């Protein structure tokens, strides 16, 4: 008998229709709101089209509008997320994840990171990186104490938000995204916005570099299903019509304008 707690699983994978991928940047928050309303734990694993994702503190950048203009000129959306952290670049070389549960307790931040992020740690270890652990990769872009590192080098970014009745731990795993090009891009965007930053590309890596082999996005998705599946009874589900309407609204609210 399976005594694991159940969790709703939302997956936007290779077969996701274009409208769903278009709204992918706000699907995790949409599912987290539903987790609070339904009193149910929810896991999200998603692919996405390229976009710029800024942190709440980036709202104060003196030239923030220039980042939006840069993104618009390339046909890319830019969003402000609800969790912590700073600017990152999301592209097809990353897989995003999120885990949400009902919560209004602001004192549970550390416990949320450890418990809700455990499935991601297990997934990375299942892939062969057994020393993966929480830690700070000093000098990395979007540096934080709860990122996932291997020998001190960042392999996944992790952030948290507690609001609206939910606790959400979310982030991205770097599959084959080039850390040097990405770090340079983020430095260029901060320079463009009038707040230059010096970052260390060597503080960031990806799965393919560490495993020294090609890694498919589908392989990482399966590892995440196994990681979270060892903790929860995963129940695959789709967002319902009401949730897609909410996602469309959130897309406009979170988009940098």
Protein backbone atom coordinates (compact mmCIF):
# COMPACT_ATOMS: atom_id res chain seq x y z
CA UNK A 1 0.00 0.00 0.00
CA UNK A 2 1.30 3.47 -0.95
CA UNK A 3 1.42 5.68 2.14
CA UNK A 4 3.09 8.62 0.42
CA UNK A 5 1.20 11.92 0.45
CA UNK A 6 -0.41 12.71 -2.88
CA UNK A 7 0.64 15.61 -5.08
CA UNK A 8 -0.87 17.02 -8.25
CA UNK A 9 1.66 16.88 -11.11
CA UNK A 10 1.52 19.53 -13.83
CA UNK A 11 3.89 18.76 -16.71
CA UNK A 12 4.55 20.89 -19.78
CA UNK A 13 6.77 18.64 -21.86
CA UNK A 14 7.82 18.09 -25.45
CA UNK A 15 4.23 17.63 -26.61
CA UNK A 16 2.85 20.76 -24.95
CA UNK A 17 0.90 22.96 -27.40
CA UNK A 18 2.31 26.37 -28.28
CA UNK A 19 -0.31 28.31 -26.25
CA UNK A 20 0.69 26.36 -23.14
CA UNK A 21 4.40 26.98 -23.74
CA UNK A 22 3.60 30.65 -24.29
CA UNK A 23 2.07 30.80 -20.79
CA UNK A 24 4.71 28.51 -19.24
CA UNK A 25 6.47 31.37 -17.35
CA UNK A 26 3.38 31.84 -15.14
CA UNK A 27 2.10 28.25 -14.97
CA UNK A 28 3.97 27.53 -11.72
CA UNK A 29 2.44 30.53 -9.93
CA UNK A 30 -0.97 29.61 -11.34
CA UNK A 31 -0.65 26.08 -9.94
CA UNK A 32 0.58 27.44 -6.59
CA UNK A 33 -2.53 29.61 -6.24
CA UNK A 34 -4.65 26.54 -6.93
CA UNK A 35 -2.64 24.60 -4.33
CA UNK A 36 -3.69 27.17 -1.73
CA UNK A 37 -7.31 27.16 -2.86
CA UNK A 38 -7.59 23.37 -3.00
CA UNK A 39 -5.42 22.60 0.01
CA UNK A 40 -3.32 20.28 -2.13
CA UNK A 41 0.41 19.93 -2.70
CA UNK A 42 1.41 20.53 -6.34
CA UNK A 43 4.54 19.75 -8.39
CA UNK A 44 5.26 21.51 -11.69
CA UNK A 45 7.84 20.39 -14.27
CA UNK A 46 7.90 22.55 -17.38
CA UNK A 47 9.65 23.45 -20.58
CA UNK A 48 9.41 26.94 -22.02
CA UNK A 49 10.35 29.24 -24.84
CA UNK A 50 13.23 31.69 -24.16
CA UNK A 51 12.51 34.61 -21.84
CA UNK A 52 14.14 37.00 -19.38
CA UNK A 53 13.20 36.57 -15.73
CA UNK A 54 13.97 39.33 -13.21
CA UNK A 55 13.80 39.29 -9.43
CA UNK A 56 11.81 41.71 -7.25
CA UNK A 57 14.93 43.75 -6.46
CA UNK A 58 15.50 44.35 -10.17
CA UNK A 59 12.47 46.64 -10.20
CA UNK A 60 14.78 49.31 -8.76
CA UNK A 61 17.27 49.19 -11.64
CA UNK A 62 17.69 52.76 -12.94
CA UNK A 63 17.49 51.64 -16.56
CA UNK A 64 14.96 48.85 -16.19
CA UNK A 65 13.05 50.05 -19.26
CA UNK A 66 16.13 49.37 -21.39
CA UNK A 67 15.97 45.67 -20.52
CA UNK A 68 12.37 45.62 -21.72
CA UNK A 69 13.39 47.41 -24.92
CA UNK A 70 16.22 44.91 -25.45
CA UNK A 71 13.81 42.00 -25.02
CA UNK A 72 11.10 43.56 -27.19
CA UNK A 73 13.58 44.14 -30.01
CA UNK A 74 14.29 40.38 -30.03
CA UNK A 75 10.69 39.28 -29.70
CA UNK A 76 11.29 37.98 -26.17
CA UNK A 77 9.09 38.49 -23.10
CA UNK A 78 10.56 39.66 -19.80
CA UNK A 79 8.91 38.97 -16.45
CA UNK A 80 9.24 39.97 -12.80
CA UNK A 81 8.91 36.89 -10.59
CA UNK A 82 7.33 36.73 -7.15
CA UNK A 83 10.18 34.80 -5.50
CA UNK A 84 13.61 35.99 -4.44
CA UNK A 85 16.74 36.26 -6.49
CA UNK A 86 17.78 38.39 -9.43
CA UNK A 87 17.94 38.31 -13.24
CA UNK A 88 18.28 34.98 -15.04
CA UNK A 89 18.00 33.82 -18.63
CA UNK A 90 15.57 30.99 -19.31
CA UNK A 91 16.04 29.13 -22.57
CA UNK A 92 15.65 25.68 -24.07
CA UNK A 93 18.80 24.54 -22.27
CA UNK A 94 17.03 24.57 -18.91
CA UNK A 95 14.17 22.70 -17.23
CA UNK A 96 12.04 24.59 -14.72
CA UNK A 97 10.39 23.14 -11.63
CA UNK A 98 8.15 24.29 -8.80
CA UNK A 99 6.64 22.74 -5.68
CA UNK A 100 3.81 24.45 -3.80
CA UNK A 101 1.79 23.67 -0.71
CA UNK A 102 -0.73 25.61 1.36
CA UNK A 103 1.06 27.81 3.89
CA UNK A 104 0.82 31.19 5.58
CA UNK A 105 3.66 30.64 8.03
CA UNK A 106 6.55 33.00 7.29
CA UNK A 107 8.78 31.21 9.83
CA UNK A 108 9.03 28.02 7.73
CA UNK A 109 11.38 29.32 5.01
CA UNK A 110 14.25 26.93 5.75
CA UNK A 111 11.94 23.95 6.20
CA UNK A 112 10.20 24.76 2.90
CA UNK A 113 13.50 24.83 1.03
CA UNK A 114 14.62 21.53 2.54
CA UNK A 115 11.34 19.68 2.17
CA UNK A 116 9.96 21.07 -1.09
CA UNK A 117 13.33 21.11 -2.82
CA UNK A 118 14.25 17.56 -1.84
CA UNK A 119 12.79 16.07 -5.00
CA UNK A 120 15.12 18.20 -7.15
CA UNK A 121 18.15 17.16 -5.10
CA UNK A 122 17.19 13.51 -5.54
CA UNK A 123 16.67 14.00 -9.27
CA UNK A 124 20.16 15.43 -9.76
CA UNK A 125 21.64 12.63 -7.69
CA UNK A 126 19.72 10.04 -9.75
CA UNK A 127 21.39 11.51 -12.83
CA UNK A 128 24.77 10.60 -11.33
CA UNK A 129 25.80 13.69 -9.37
CA UNK A 130 25.69 12.15 -5.92
CA UNK A 131 27.40 15.09 -4.16
CA UNK A 132 24.71 17.60 -5.18
CA UNK A 133 23.71 19.71 -2.17
CA UNK A 134 22.26 23.06 -1.19
CA UNK A 135 24.83 25.82 -1.16
CA UNK A 136 25.97 29.22 -2.36
CA UNK A 137 28.05 29.48 -5.53
CA UNK A 138 29.89 32.72 -4.80
CA UNK A 139 29.93 35.07 -7.78
CA UNK A 140 27.29 33.22 -9.78
CA UNK A 141 24.42 35.07 -11.38
CA UNK A 142 21.30 35.08 -9.17
CA UNK A 143 23.46 33.87 -6.29
CA UNK A 144 21.57 32.43 -3.33
CA UNK A 145 22.20 30.23 -0.28
CA UNK A 146 19.67 27.58 -1.36
CA UNK A 147 20.89 26.96 -4.87
CA UNK A 148 21.96 23.41 -5.70
CA UNK A 149 25.69 23.03 -6.20
CA UNK A 150 28.15 20.29 -7.02
CA UNK A 151 31.58 20.92 -5.47
CA UNK A 152 30.61 24.55 -4.93
CA UNK A 153 29.52 25.16 -8.54
CA UNK A 154 25.90 26.01 -9.33
CA UNK A 155 23.85 23.46 -11.25
CA UNK A 156 20.34 24.67 -10.31
CA UNK A 157 18.89 27.96 -9.10
CA UNK A 158 16.28 27.77 -6.33
CA UNK A 159 14.05 30.52 -4.90
CA UNK A 160 11.03 30.74 -2.61
CA UNK A 161 7.87 32.78 -2.23
CA UNK A 162 5.31 32.68 0.58
CA UNK A 163 2.20 34.62 -0.32
CA UNK A 164 -1.50 34.25 -1.05
CA UNK A 165 -1.80 31.21 1.19
CA UNK A 166 0.94 29.15 -0.48
CA UNK A 167 4.63 28.41 -0.09
CA UNK A 168 6.36 27.95 -3.44
CA UNK A 169 9.89 26.66 -3.98
CA UNK A 170 10.85 26.94 -7.64
CA UNK A 171 13.79 27.27 -9.97
CA UNK A 172 15.60 25.80 -12.95
CA UNK A 173 18.09 23.04 -13.64
CA UNK A 174 20.87 23.95 -16.07
CA UNK A 175 20.93 21.12 -18.61
CA UNK A 176 23.10 22.41 -21.46
CA UNK A 177 22.81 26.20 -21.19
CA UNK A 178 26.25 27.74 -21.78
CA UNK A 179 27.36 29.28 -18.44
CA UNK A 180 29.90 31.60 -20.08
CA UNK A 181 27.50 33.02 -22.66
CA UNK A 182 24.70 33.30 -20.11
CA UNK A 183 26.88 35.05 -17.53
CA UNK A 184 28.09 37.50 -20.18
CA UNK A 185 24.49 38.17 -21.28
CA UNK A 186 23.36 38.89 -17.73
CA UNK A 187 26.33 41.21 -17.15
CA UNK A 188 25.45 43.02 -20.38
CA UNK A 189 21.82 43.44 -19.32
CA UNK A 190 22.81 44.88 -15.93
CA UNK A 191 25.23 47.22 -17.71
CA UNK A 192 22.42 48.25 -20.05
CA UNK A 193 20.18 48.91 -17.03
CA UNK A 194 22.80 51.19 -15.43
CA UNK A 195 23.85 48.81 -12.64
CA UNK A 196 27.06 47.02 -13.72
CA UNK A 197 27.91 43.73 -11.99
CA UNK A 198 30.93 41.48 -12.20
CA UNK A 199 29.94 37.82 -12.16
CA UNK A 200 31.96 34.60 -12.27
CA UNK A 201 31.07 32.30 -15.15
CA UNK A 202 33.19 29.60 -13.49
CA UNK A 203 30.73 29.53 -10.57
CA UNK A 204 28.06 28.06 -12.87
CA UNK A 205 28.00 24.84 -14.87
CA UNK A 206 25.50 22.49 -16.51
CA UNK A 207 24.60 18.80 -16.42
CA UNK A 208 26.32 17.96 -19.68
CA UNK A 209 29.63 19.39 -18.48
CA UNK A 210 29.51 17.59 -15.16
CA UNK A 211 28.35 14.27 -16.60
CA UNK A 212 30.59 14.62 -19.66
CA UNK A 213 27.89 13.39 -22.02
CA UNK A 214 24.81 14.66 -23.86
CA UNK A 215 21.78 15.04 -21.59
CA UNK A 216 18.28 15.22 -23.08
CA UNK A 217 15.59 17.37 -21.48
CA UNK A 218 13.37 14.28 -21.33
CA UNK A 219 16.00 12.49 -19.22
CA UNK A 220 15.98 15.35 -16.71
CA UNK A 221 12.18 15.36 -16.63
CA UNK A 222 12.16 11.64 -15.87
CA UNK A 223 14.71 12.17 -13.10
CA UNK A 224 12.45 14.84 -11.59
CA UNK A 225 9.47 12.49 -11.78
CA UNK A 226 11.55 9.85 -9.97
CA UNK A 227 12.85 12.34 -7.41
CA UNK A 228 9.44 13.72 -6.53
CA UNK A 229 7.85 10.30 -7.00
CA UNK A 230 10.00 8.95 -4.17
CA UNK A 231 8.39 11.54 -1.89
CA UNK A 232 4.83 11.85 -3.18
CA UNK A 233 2.22 9.86 -4.99
CA UNK A 234 2.19 11.95 -8.16
CA UNK A 235 -1.20 12.39 -9.81
CA UNK A 236 -0.82 13.76 -13.37
CA UNK A 237 -3.24 16.55 -14.16
CA UNK A 238 -3.79 19.41 -16.58
CA UNK A 239 -4.65 22.96 -15.70
CA UNK A 240 -8.39 23.43 -16.03
CA UNK A 241 -10.09 26.20 -18.01
CA UNK A 242 -10.29 28.52 -15.01
CA UNK A 243 -6.58 28.10 -14.36
CA UNK A 244 -5.66 28.86 -17.98
CA UNK A 245 -7.71 32.06 -17.76
CA UNK A 246 -5.83 32.95 -14.56
CA UNK A 247 -2.51 32.16 -16.27
CA UNK A 248 -3.36 34.52 -19.12
CA UNK A 249 -4.09 37.28 -16.63
CA UNK A 250 -0.90 36.61 -14.66
CA UNK A 251 1.09 36.68 -17.89
CA UNK A 252 0.07 40.30 -18.40
CA UNK A 253 0.55 41.22 -14.73
CA UNK A 254 4.05 39.72 -14.41
CA UNK A 255 5.32 40.86 -17.80
CA UNK A 256 7.71 43.78 -17.64
CA UNK A 257 5.92 46.82 -18.99
